[in-house]
């Protein structure tokens, strides 16, 4: 297995683990009706988004890892790997930052652009098959 694929596989399993752990922590407080301003509050929605992003981006990194077995490795895939890794770290961080500091919303561009770049680069390489 090439090291790029290994890094994405590790990131996938770390994301799943963090999803479980963050879910446990959030679950300890869900019984409080007004926790983080109530179920529909901006802050609580962003906490939920951070939590679910661990799972979603773990899946993206896992699928990328599987894709590497089916296509020849290129520089574009190396960049795609970096994009998926940056997105997996930046998305939950941005969600939590924005929950407490709404003016940081422009930081969402970091995970969104990196994940989009990763997906576009991977798609282009897969199309070459």
N, C-alpha and C. Protein backbone atom coordinates (compact mmCIF):
# COMPACT_ATOMS: atom_id res chain seq x y z
N UNK A 1 0.86 -1.19 0.00
CA UNK A 1 0.00 0.00 0.00
C UNK A 1 0.89 1.23 0.00
N UNK A 2 0.55 2.22 -0.84
CA UNK A 2 1.39 3.41 -0.83
C UNK A 2 1.08 4.25 0.41
N UNK A 3 2.04 5.06 0.81
CA UNK A 3 1.89 5.80 2.07
C UNK A 3 0.75 6.82 2.02
N UNK A 4 0.47 7.36 0.85
CA UNK A 4 -0.65 8.31 0.75
C UNK A 4 -1.95 7.60 1.11
N UNK A 5 -2.17 6.43 0.54
CA UNK A 5 -3.38 5.67 0.86
C UNK A 5 -3.44 5.30 2.33
N UNK A 6 -2.30 4.96 2.91
CA UNK A 6 -2.24 4.60 4.33
C UNK A 6 -2.66 5.79 5.20
N UNK A 7 -2.20 6.98 4.85
CA UNK A 7 -2.55 8.18 5.63
C UNK A 7 -4.06 8.42 5.59
N UNK A 8 -4.67 8.26 4.42
CA UNK A 8 -6.12 8.47 4.31
C UNK A 8 -6.90 7.40 5.06
N UNK A 9 -6.39 6.17 5.06
CA UNK A 9 -7.04 5.10 5.82
C UNK A 9 -6.97 5.39 7.32
N UNK A 10 -5.81 5.83 7.78
CA UNK A 10 -5.65 6.20 9.19
C UNK A 10 -6.59 7.36 9.53
N UNK A 11 -6.64 8.36 8.66
CA UNK A 11 -7.54 9.50 8.89
C UNK A 11 -8.99 9.04 8.96
N UNK A 12 -9.36 8.07 8.13
CA UNK A 12 -10.73 7.56 8.14
C UNK A 12 -11.07 6.94 9.50
N UNK A 13 -10.19 6.10 10.00
CA UNK A 13 -10.47 5.44 11.28
C UNK A 13 -10.40 6.41 12.45
N UNK A 14 -9.51 7.38 12.38
CA UNK A 14 -9.49 8.41 13.43
C UNK A 14 -10.79 9.21 13.39
N UNK A 15 -11.27 9.54 12.21
CA UNK A 15 -12.54 10.26 12.08
C UNK A 15 -13.71 9.48 12.66
N UNK A 16 -13.74 8.18 12.40
CA UNK A 16 -14.81 7.35 12.97
C UNK A 16 -14.72 7.35 14.49
N UNK A 17 -13.51 7.17 15.01
CA UNK A 17 -13.32 7.19 16.46
C UNK A 17 -13.75 8.53 17.06
N UNK A 18 -13.34 9.63 16.44
CA UNK A 18 -13.73 10.95 16.94
C UNK A 18 -15.23 11.17 16.83
N UNK A 19 -15.85 10.61 15.81
CA UNK A 19 -17.31 10.68 15.69
C UNK A 19 -17.99 9.98 16.84
N UNK A 20 -17.50 8.78 17.19
CA UNK A 20 -18.07 8.05 18.32
C UNK A 20 -17.88 8.83 19.62
N UNK A 21 -16.65 9.31 19.83
CA UNK A 21 -16.35 10.01 21.09
C UNK A 21 -17.10 11.33 21.21
N UNK A 22 -17.15 12.09 20.12
CA UNK A 22 -17.88 13.36 20.19
C UNK A 22 -19.37 13.11 20.37
N UNK A 23 -19.88 12.04 19.78
CA UNK A 23 -21.29 11.68 19.98
C UNK A 23 -21.58 11.33 21.42
N UNK A 24 -20.63 10.64 22.05
CA UNK A 24 -20.80 10.30 23.46
C UNK A 24 -20.84 11.57 24.32
N UNK A 25 -19.91 12.48 24.06
CA UNK A 25 -19.87 13.72 24.84
C UNK A 25 -21.14 14.54 24.61
N UNK A 26 -21.55 14.69 23.36
CA UNK A 26 -22.77 15.44 23.08
C UNK A 26 -23.98 14.75 23.70
N UNK A 27 -23.99 13.43 23.65
CA UNK A 27 -25.11 12.68 24.21
C UNK A 27 -25.29 12.86 25.71
N UNK A 28 -24.22 13.20 26.39
CA UNK A 28 -24.31 13.43 27.84
C UNK A 28 -25.15 14.66 28.17
N UNK A 29 -25.31 15.56 27.19
CA UNK A 29 -26.01 16.81 27.45
C UNK A 29 -27.31 16.97 26.67
N UNK A 30 -27.61 16.04 25.77
CA UNK A 30 -28.82 16.17 24.95
C UNK A 30 -30.10 16.22 25.76
N UNK A 31 -30.09 15.65 26.94
CA UNK A 31 -31.32 15.64 27.74
C UNK A 31 -31.69 17.04 28.25
N UNK A 32 -30.74 17.95 28.22
CA UNK A 32 -31.01 19.32 28.67
C UNK A 32 -31.68 20.10 27.54
N UNK A 33 -32.93 20.43 27.75
CA UNK A 33 -33.74 21.09 26.72
C UNK A 33 -33.06 22.32 26.13
N UNK A 34 -32.45 23.13 26.97
CA UNK A 34 -31.88 24.39 26.50
C UNK A 34 -30.36 24.36 26.35
N UNK A 35 -29.79 23.16 26.32
CA UNK A 35 -28.34 23.05 26.17
C UNK A 35 -27.89 23.69 24.86
N UNK A 36 -26.90 24.54 24.92
CA UNK A 36 -26.39 25.29 23.78
C UNK A 36 -27.47 26.11 23.09
N UNK A 37 -28.47 26.53 23.85
CA UNK A 37 -29.53 27.37 23.30
C UNK A 37 -30.74 26.61 22.78
N UNK A 38 -30.81 25.32 23.01
CA UNK A 38 -31.94 24.53 22.53
C UNK A 38 -31.63 23.82 21.22
N UNK A 39 -32.49 22.86 20.88
CA UNK A 39 -32.24 21.98 19.74
C UNK A 39 -32.02 22.74 18.43
N UNK A 40 -32.79 23.76 18.18
CA UNK A 40 -32.70 24.47 16.90
C UNK A 40 -31.73 25.63 16.89
N UNK A 41 -31.00 25.84 17.98
CA UNK A 41 -30.11 27.01 18.05
C UNK A 41 -28.93 26.85 17.08
N UNK A 42 -28.43 27.99 16.67
CA UNK A 42 -27.28 28.03 15.76
C UNK A 42 -26.10 27.26 16.33
N UNK A 43 -25.80 27.49 17.60
CA UNK A 43 -24.65 26.86 18.24
C UNK A 43 -24.81 25.33 18.26
N UNK A 44 -25.98 24.88 18.64
CA UNK A 44 -26.19 23.43 18.74
C UNK A 44 -26.18 22.78 17.35
N UNK A 45 -26.72 23.46 16.35
CA UNK A 45 -26.69 22.92 14.98
C UNK A 45 -25.25 22.75 14.51
N UNK A 46 -24.39 23.70 14.83
CA UNK A 46 -22.99 23.59 14.42
C UNK A 46 -22.25 22.49 15.18
N UNK A 47 -22.60 22.27 16.43
CA UNK A 47 -22.02 21.15 17.17
C UNK A 47 -22.43 19.83 16.51
N UNK A 48 -23.70 19.73 16.11
CA UNK A 48 -24.16 18.51 15.43
C UNK A 48 -23.45 18.34 14.09
N UNK A 49 -23.26 19.43 13.37
CA UNK A 49 -22.56 19.36 12.09
C UNK A 49 -21.11 18.91 12.29
N UNK A 50 -20.46 19.42 13.31
CA UNK A 50 -19.08 18.99 13.60
C UNK A 50 -19.05 17.50 13.88
N UNK A 51 -20.00 17.04 14.68
CA UNK A 51 -20.08 15.62 15.04
C UNK A 51 -20.27 14.75 13.80
N UNK A 52 -21.23 15.07 12.97
CA UNK A 52 -21.52 14.23 11.81
C UNK A 52 -20.44 14.37 10.74
N UNK A 53 -19.73 15.50 10.74
CA UNK A 53 -18.65 15.66 9.75
C UNK A 53 -17.53 14.67 9.98
N UNK A 54 -17.33 14.26 11.23
CA UNK A 54 -16.31 13.23 11.48
C UNK A 54 -16.62 11.96 10.69
N UNK A 55 -17.88 11.54 10.71
CA UNK A 55 -18.27 10.32 10.00
C UNK A 55 -18.25 10.51 8.48
N UNK A 56 -18.82 11.61 8.02
CA UNK A 56 -18.88 11.84 6.58
C UNK A 56 -17.50 11.96 5.94
N UNK A 57 -16.62 12.67 6.61
CA UNK A 57 -15.29 12.86 6.04
C UNK A 57 -14.40 11.64 6.26
N UNK A 58 -14.71 10.84 7.28
CA UNK A 58 -14.05 9.54 7.42
C UNK A 58 -14.41 8.67 6.22
N UNK A 59 -15.68 8.69 5.84
CA UNK A 59 -16.12 7.92 4.68
C UNK A 59 -15.42 8.41 3.41
N UNK A 60 -15.31 9.72 3.24
CA UNK A 60 -14.64 10.27 2.06
C UNK A 60 -13.19 9.80 2.01
N UNK A 61 -12.49 9.84 3.14
CA UNK A 61 -11.10 9.39 3.18
C UNK A 61 -11.00 7.89 2.93
N UNK A 62 -11.95 7.12 3.44
CA UNK A 62 -11.94 5.67 3.22
C UNK A 62 -12.18 5.35 1.75
N UNK A 63 -13.16 6.01 1.14
CA UNK A 63 -13.43 5.77 -0.28
C UNK A 63 -12.24 6.20 -1.15
N UNK A 64 -11.58 7.27 -0.75
CA UNK A 64 -10.38 7.68 -1.49
C UNK A 64 -9.32 6.60 -1.38
N UNK A 65 -9.13 6.07 -0.19
CA UNK A 65 -8.17 4.97 0.02
C UNK A 65 -8.49 3.80 -0.90
N UNK A 66 -9.76 3.42 -0.98
CA UNK A 66 -10.16 2.32 -1.86
C UNK A 66 -9.93 2.65 -3.33
N UNK A 67 -10.15 3.90 -3.69
CA UNK A 67 -9.97 4.33 -5.08
C UNK A 67 -8.52 4.18 -5.52
N UNK A 68 -7.59 4.41 -4.60
CA UNK A 68 -6.17 4.32 -4.95
C UNK A 68 -5.77 2.93 -5.42
N UNK A 69 -6.52 1.91 -5.02
CA UNK A 69 -6.22 0.55 -5.47
C UNK A 69 -6.65 0.33 -6.91
N UNK A 70 -7.52 1.20 -7.43
CA UNK A 70 -8.09 0.99 -8.76
C UNK A 70 -7.49 1.88 -9.84
N UNK A 71 -6.74 2.89 -9.45
CA UNK A 71 -6.20 3.83 -10.44
C UNK A 71 -4.70 3.99 -10.24
N UNK A 72 -3.97 4.30 -11.31
CA UNK A 72 -2.53 4.56 -11.16
C UNK A 72 -2.31 5.81 -10.32
N UNK A 73 -1.31 5.75 -9.47
CA UNK A 73 -1.04 6.89 -8.59
C UNK A 73 -0.39 8.02 -9.38
N UNK A 74 -0.90 9.25 -9.17
CA UNK A 74 -0.39 10.43 -9.86
C UNK A 74 -0.19 11.57 -8.86
N UNK A 75 0.44 12.62 -9.33
CA UNK A 75 0.62 13.82 -8.50
C UNK A 75 -0.75 14.41 -8.14
N UNK A 76 -1.70 14.33 -9.06
CA UNK A 76 -3.05 14.85 -8.80
C UNK A 76 -3.69 14.11 -7.63
N UNK A 77 -3.47 12.80 -7.55
CA UNK A 77 -4.04 12.04 -6.44
C UNK A 77 -3.33 12.36 -5.13
N UNK A 78 -2.05 12.70 -5.22
CA UNK A 78 -1.34 13.13 -4.02
C UNK A 78 -1.95 14.44 -3.50
N UNK A 79 -2.27 15.36 -4.40
CA UNK A 79 -2.92 16.61 -4.01
C UNK A 79 -4.33 16.35 -3.48
N UNK A 80 -5.04 15.42 -4.12
CA UNK A 80 -6.39 15.08 -3.67
C UNK A 80 -6.35 14.54 -2.25
N UNK A 81 -5.37 13.69 -1.97
CA UNK A 81 -5.21 13.15 -0.62
C UNK A 81 -5.06 14.27 0.40
N UNK A 82 -4.22 15.24 0.07
CA UNK A 82 -4.02 16.39 0.95
C UNK A 82 -5.31 17.16 1.15
N UNK A 83 -6.06 17.35 0.08
CA UNK A 83 -7.34 18.04 0.18
C UNK A 83 -8.31 17.34 1.12
N UNK A 84 -8.41 16.02 0.99
CA UNK A 84 -9.31 15.26 1.87
C UNK A 84 -8.85 15.31 3.33
N UNK A 85 -7.54 15.29 3.54
CA UNK A 85 -7.02 15.35 4.91
C UNK A 85 -7.26 16.73 5.53
N UNK A 86 -6.98 17.78 4.78
CA UNK A 86 -7.22 19.14 5.28
C UNK A 86 -8.70 19.31 5.61
N UNK A 87 -9.56 18.87 4.72
CA UNK A 87 -11.00 18.99 4.95
C UNK A 87 -11.47 18.24 6.18
N UNK A 88 -10.92 17.04 6.39
CA UNK A 88 -11.33 16.23 7.54
C UNK A 88 -10.95 16.88 8.87
N UNK A 89 -9.85 17.61 8.87
CA UNK A 89 -9.43 18.31 10.09
C UNK A 89 -10.15 19.65 10.21
N UNK A 90 -10.20 20.39 9.11
CA UNK A 90 -10.71 21.77 9.16
C UNK A 90 -12.22 21.86 9.36
N UNK A 91 -12.99 20.92 8.82
CA UNK A 91 -14.45 21.04 8.91
C UNK A 91 -14.96 21.05 10.35
N UNK A 92 -14.62 20.04 11.18
CA UNK A 92 -15.14 20.11 12.55
C UNK A 92 -14.57 21.29 13.34
N UNK A 93 -13.33 21.65 13.07
CA UNK A 93 -12.73 22.80 13.75
C UNK A 93 -13.49 24.07 13.38
N UNK A 94 -13.76 24.26 12.10
CA UNK A 94 -14.51 25.45 11.64
C UNK A 94 -15.91 25.47 12.23
N UNK A 95 -16.55 24.31 12.30
CA UNK A 95 -17.90 24.26 12.88
C UNK A 95 -17.89 24.73 14.33
N UNK A 96 -16.94 24.24 15.11
CA UNK A 96 -16.88 24.62 16.52
C UNK A 96 -16.47 26.07 16.69
N UNK A 97 -15.54 26.53 15.88
CA UNK A 97 -15.16 27.95 15.94
C UNK A 97 -16.35 28.85 15.63
N UNK A 98 -17.06 28.50 14.57
CA UNK A 98 -18.19 29.33 14.17
C UNK A 98 -19.33 29.27 15.18
N UNK A 99 -19.47 28.16 15.88
CA UNK A 99 -20.51 28.05 16.91
C UNK A 99 -20.32 29.12 17.98
N UNK A 100 -19.07 29.42 18.29
CA UNK A 100 -18.77 30.38 19.35
C UNK A 100 -18.39 31.76 18.83
N UNK A 101 -17.91 31.80 17.59
CA UNK A 101 -17.48 33.06 16.98
C UNK A 101 -18.06 33.14 15.57
N UNK A 102 -19.34 33.52 15.44
CA UNK A 102 -20.01 33.50 14.13
C UNK A 102 -19.30 34.29 13.03
N UNK A 103 -18.50 35.27 13.40
CA UNK A 103 -17.80 36.06 12.38
C UNK A 103 -16.71 35.26 11.67
N UNK A 104 -16.41 34.06 12.15
CA UNK A 104 -15.38 33.23 11.51
C UNK A 104 -15.96 32.40 10.36
N UNK A 105 -17.19 32.68 9.96
CA UNK A 105 -17.87 31.85 8.94
C UNK A 105 -17.09 31.76 7.64
N UNK A 106 -16.29 32.75 7.31
CA UNK A 106 -15.52 32.70 6.06
C UNK A 106 -14.46 31.59 6.10
N UNK A 107 -14.11 31.14 7.29
CA UNK A 107 -13.15 30.03 7.40
C UNK A 107 -13.71 28.74 6.81
N UNK A 108 -15.03 28.65 6.65
CA UNK A 108 -15.63 27.46 6.04
C UNK A 108 -15.10 27.25 4.63
N UNK A 109 -14.56 28.29 4.02
CA UNK A 109 -13.99 28.13 2.69
C UNK A 109 -12.82 27.15 2.69
N UNK A 110 -12.08 27.08 3.78
CA UNK A 110 -10.92 26.19 3.84
C UNK A 110 -11.33 24.72 3.66
N UNK A 111 -12.21 24.17 4.51
CA UNK A 111 -12.57 22.76 4.27
C UNK A 111 -13.35 22.55 2.98
N UNK A 112 -14.22 23.47 2.64
CA UNK A 112 -15.04 23.29 1.44
C UNK A 112 -14.18 23.28 0.18
N UNK A 113 -13.26 24.22 0.07
CA UNK A 113 -12.39 24.28 -1.11
C UNK A 113 -11.46 23.07 -1.15
N UNK A 114 -10.89 22.69 -0.01
CA UNK A 114 -9.96 21.55 -0.01
C UNK A 114 -10.69 20.25 -0.35
N UNK A 115 -11.89 20.06 0.18
CA UNK A 115 -12.65 18.84 -0.13
C UNK A 115 -13.12 18.83 -1.58
N UNK A 116 -13.54 19.98 -2.07
CA UNK A 116 -13.97 20.08 -3.46
C UNK A 116 -12.79 19.78 -4.40
N UNK A 117 -11.64 20.35 -4.09
CA UNK A 117 -10.45 20.08 -4.91
C UNK A 117 -10.10 18.60 -4.89
N UNK A 118 -10.16 17.98 -3.71
CA UNK A 118 -9.88 16.55 -3.61
C UNK A 118 -10.84 15.73 -4.45
N UNK A 119 -12.12 16.08 -4.40
CA UNK A 119 -13.13 15.34 -5.15
C UNK A 119 -12.96 15.55 -6.66
N UNK A 120 -12.69 16.78 -7.07
CA UNK A 120 -12.52 17.06 -8.50
C UNK A 120 -11.29 16.33 -9.05
N UNK A 121 -10.17 16.44 -8.33
CA UNK A 121 -8.94 15.78 -8.79
C UNK A 121 -9.12 14.26 -8.87
N UNK A 122 -9.77 13.69 -7.87
CA UNK A 122 -9.99 12.24 -7.87
C UNK A 122 -10.91 11.85 -9.02
N UNK A 123 -11.97 12.59 -9.20
CA UNK A 123 -12.91 12.30 -10.29
C UNK A 123 -12.21 12.34 -11.64
N UNK A 124 -11.38 13.35 -11.85
CA UNK A 124 -10.66 13.46 -13.12
C UNK A 124 -9.73 12.28 -13.34
N UNK A 125 -9.08 11.81 -12.29
CA UNK A 125 -8.19 10.65 -12.42
C UNK A 125 -8.98 9.37 -12.69
N UNK A 126 -10.13 9.23 -12.06
CA UNK A 126 -10.96 8.05 -12.28
C UNK A 126 -11.51 8.04 -13.71
N UNK A 127 -11.86 9.21 -14.22
CA UNK A 127 -12.39 9.31 -15.58
C UNK A 127 -11.34 8.85 -16.61
N UNK A 128 -10.07 9.04 -16.30
CA UNK A 128 -8.99 8.64 -17.22
C UNK A 128 -8.95 7.13 -17.44
N UNK A 129 -9.59 6.36 -16.56
CA UNK A 129 -9.58 4.90 -16.72
C UNK A 129 -10.20 4.60 -18.05
